[in-house]
């Protein structure tokens, strides 16, 4: 991948603990931010799960799945997990949910919150056809502590055509 700002990433199994919600796909902007609020308000409950991890090294994820089909893009109803990546053998605390994603290959691109739709259209409308790729599941959001306010890295799982 030679296009500036777009990278290929091969991730091993990904385990994320967080706050999960479900809602109508078209109403995502009204219920997804509440999950991040819950995560932030109760983050201290995850301290044991994060033992040994430097706060500057935390990987925060906004994982998505269709309500009926695991890890597929949202259709009518969506599921969303606002969470933090932890080792796979981590015990999920009461009141929290763990999602385990299989190893996958992704194309990634960074965008500001207001440019997410534009970045998604570029990836799916131009980059994927150019590279002869198909979307292999739901797009995920990745946040790192050093990102600028409102900056997100979008993860597009792919398979070749």
Protein backbone atom coordinates (compact mmCIF):
# COMPACT_ATOMS: atom_id res chain seq x y z
CA UNK A 1 0.00 0.00 0.00
CA UNK A 2 1.78 3.13 -1.22
CA UNK A 3 -0.94 5.73 -0.70
CA UNK A 4 0.09 8.27 1.93
CA UNK A 5 -1.83 7.90 5.17
CA UNK A 6 -3.24 4.46 4.37
CA UNK A 7 -1.52 1.45 5.88
CA UNK A 8 -1.99 -2.31 5.93
CA UNK A 9 -2.04 -3.85 9.40
CA UNK A 10 -2.23 -7.55 10.24
CA UNK A 11 -3.56 -7.94 13.78
CA UNK A 12 -3.43 -11.10 15.87
CA UNK A 13 -6.43 -12.01 18.04
CA UNK A 14 -7.73 -8.82 19.63
CA UNK A 15 -9.37 -8.87 23.07
CA UNK A 16 -11.18 -5.74 24.23
CA UNK A 17 -13.06 -5.12 27.49
CA UNK A 18 -15.57 -2.30 27.57
CA UNK A 19 -19.14 -1.10 27.70
CA UNK A 20 -21.46 -2.57 25.09
CA UNK A 21 -24.64 -1.15 23.70
CA UNK A 22 -27.19 -1.89 21.00
CA UNK A 23 -29.37 0.41 19.05
CA UNK A 24 -30.83 1.32 15.72
CA UNK A 25 -28.00 1.78 13.23
CA UNK A 26 -29.26 5.15 12.00
CA UNK A 27 -29.41 6.40 15.60
CA UNK A 28 -25.78 5.50 16.42
CA UNK A 29 -24.77 9.12 17.09
CA UNK A 30 -27.32 9.26 19.91
CA UNK A 31 -26.35 6.06 21.78
CA UNK A 32 -22.68 5.33 20.97
CA UNK A 33 -21.20 8.39 22.80
CA UNK A 34 -23.02 7.27 25.97
CA UNK A 35 -20.92 4.08 25.95
CA UNK A 36 -17.72 6.14 25.94
CA UNK A 37 -19.13 8.17 28.84
CA UNK A 38 -19.76 4.92 30.76
CA UNK A 39 -16.26 3.66 29.99
CA UNK A 40 -14.67 6.88 31.20
CA UNK A 41 -16.86 7.14 34.30
CA UNK A 42 -15.96 3.60 35.45
CA UNK A 43 -12.43 3.28 34.05
CA UNK A 44 -10.93 2.79 37.53
CA UNK A 45 -12.72 -0.60 37.64
CA UNK A 46 -10.31 -1.79 34.93
CA UNK A 47 -7.11 -0.94 36.81
CA UNK A 48 -6.40 -4.60 37.64
CA UNK A 49 -6.98 -5.62 34.01
CA UNK A 50 -4.45 -3.03 32.88
CA UNK A 51 -1.76 -3.82 35.46
CA UNK A 52 1.63 -3.18 34.00
CA UNK A 53 0.38 -1.18 31.02
CA UNK A 54 1.58 2.40 30.71
CA UNK A 55 -1.32 4.83 30.21
CA UNK A 56 0.55 6.16 27.16
CA UNK A 57 0.43 2.68 25.63
CA UNK A 58 -3.32 1.97 25.98
CA UNK A 59 -5.21 1.03 22.85
CA UNK A 60 -8.82 2.19 22.97
CA UNK A 61 -11.25 0.64 20.51
CA UNK A 62 -14.73 1.35 19.25
CA UNK A 63 -15.69 -2.08 17.93
CA UNK A 64 -18.77 -2.63 15.82
CA UNK A 65 -20.93 -5.57 14.91
CA UNK A 66 -24.32 -5.98 13.35
CA UNK A 67 -27.04 -6.83 15.85
CA UNK A 68 -27.76 -10.18 14.20
CA UNK A 69 -24.52 -11.13 12.42
CA UNK A 70 -21.30 -11.14 14.46
CA UNK A 71 -18.71 -8.60 13.24
CA UNK A 72 -20.64 -7.75 10.10
CA UNK A 73 -21.36 -4.09 9.21
CA UNK A 74 -24.44 -2.60 10.83
CA UNK A 75 -27.73 -3.17 9.05
CA UNK A 76 -30.89 -2.35 11.02
CA UNK A 77 -29.49 -2.78 14.52
CA UNK A 78 -25.91 -2.25 15.58
CA UNK A 79 -23.77 -3.37 18.48
CA UNK A 80 -20.88 -1.23 19.69
CA UNK A 81 -18.19 -1.83 22.30
CA UNK A 82 -16.32 1.18 23.68
CA UNK A 83 -13.31 -0.41 25.30
CA UNK A 84 -9.65 -0.95 25.93
CA UNK A 85 -7.41 -3.70 24.56
CA UNK A 86 -6.18 -6.18 27.17
CA UNK A 87 -4.33 -9.51 27.12
CA UNK A 88 -6.54 -12.36 25.91
CA UNK A 89 -6.47 -14.21 29.25
CA UNK A 90 -7.79 -11.18 31.18
CA UNK A 91 -10.80 -11.89 33.41
CA UNK A 92 -13.73 -9.64 32.43
CA UNK A 93 -14.91 -7.71 35.50
CA UNK A 94 -18.58 -7.81 36.49
CA UNK A 95 -20.59 -5.19 34.61
CA UNK A 96 -18.20 -5.21 31.66
CA UNK A 97 -18.21 -7.07 28.34
CA UNK A 98 -15.32 -8.69 26.49
CA UNK A 99 -15.13 -9.07 22.74
CA UNK A 100 -12.61 -11.38 21.08
CA UNK A 101 -11.86 -10.58 17.45
CA UNK A 102 -10.12 -13.14 15.24
CA UNK A 103 -6.81 -12.34 13.54
CA UNK A 104 -7.51 -10.14 10.52
CA UNK A 105 -5.87 -7.94 7.93
CA UNK A 106 -6.95 -4.30 7.79
CA UNK A 107 -6.41 -1.17 5.80
CA UNK A 108 -6.21 1.78 8.17
CA UNK A 109 -6.59 5.51 7.74
CA UNK A 110 -6.59 8.34 10.27
CA UNK A 111 -9.33 10.93 10.17
CA UNK A 112 -10.79 13.65 12.31
CA UNK A 113 -14.27 13.01 13.70
CA UNK A 114 -15.89 15.31 11.15
CA UNK A 115 -14.12 13.54 8.25
CA UNK A 116 -15.04 9.93 9.11
CA UNK A 117 -17.72 9.68 6.43
CA UNK A 118 -15.40 11.20 3.82
CA UNK A 119 -12.57 8.79 4.78
CA UNK A 120 -14.96 5.82 4.66
CA UNK A 121 -16.25 6.82 1.22
CA UNK A 122 -12.67 7.20 -0.06
CA UNK A 123 -11.64 3.79 1.27
CA UNK A 124 -14.68 1.85 0.08
CA UNK A 125 -15.34 3.82 -3.11
CA UNK A 126 -11.79 4.23 -4.41
CA UNK A 127 -9.07 2.39 -2.47
CA UNK A 128 -10.79 -0.98 -2.09
CA UNK A 129 -11.70 -1.24 -5.82
CA UNK A 130 -8.21 -0.04 -6.82
CA UNK A 131 -6.57 -2.69 -4.62
CA UNK A 132 -9.16 -5.35 -5.62
CA UNK A 133 -10.32 -5.79 -2.03
CA UNK A 134 -13.68 -6.47 -0.43
CA UNK A 135 -14.81 -5.35 3.01
CA UNK A 136 -14.69 -8.45 5.24
CA UNK A 137 -16.63 -7.10 8.23
CA UNK A 138 -17.52 -4.09 10.31
CA UNK A 139 -15.18 -1.09 10.41
CA UNK A 140 -13.59 -0.44 13.81
CA UNK A 141 -12.34 2.73 15.46
CA UNK A 142 -8.92 2.85 17.15
CA UNK A 143 -7.74 5.59 19.50
CA UNK A 144 -4.31 6.14 21.03
CA UNK A 145 -3.46 8.53 23.88
CA UNK A 146 -1.17 10.63 21.66
CA UNK A 147 -3.87 11.25 19.02
CA UNK A 148 -5.12 14.81 18.69
CA UNK A 149 -8.57 15.58 20.11
CA UNK A 150 -11.19 14.06 17.81
CA UNK A 151 -8.67 12.02 15.81
CA UNK A 152 -9.47 8.39 15.06
CA UNK A 153 -7.84 5.59 13.12
CA UNK A 154 -10.37 3.57 11.13
CA UNK A 155 -9.73 -0.15 10.63
CA UNK A 156 -11.28 -1.68 7.49
CA UNK A 157 -11.09 -5.51 7.52
CA UNK A 158 -10.53 -6.85 4.04
CA UNK A 159 -10.33 -9.91 1.87
CA UNK A 160 -9.08 -10.09 -1.69
CA UNK A 161 -11.57 -10.46 -4.55
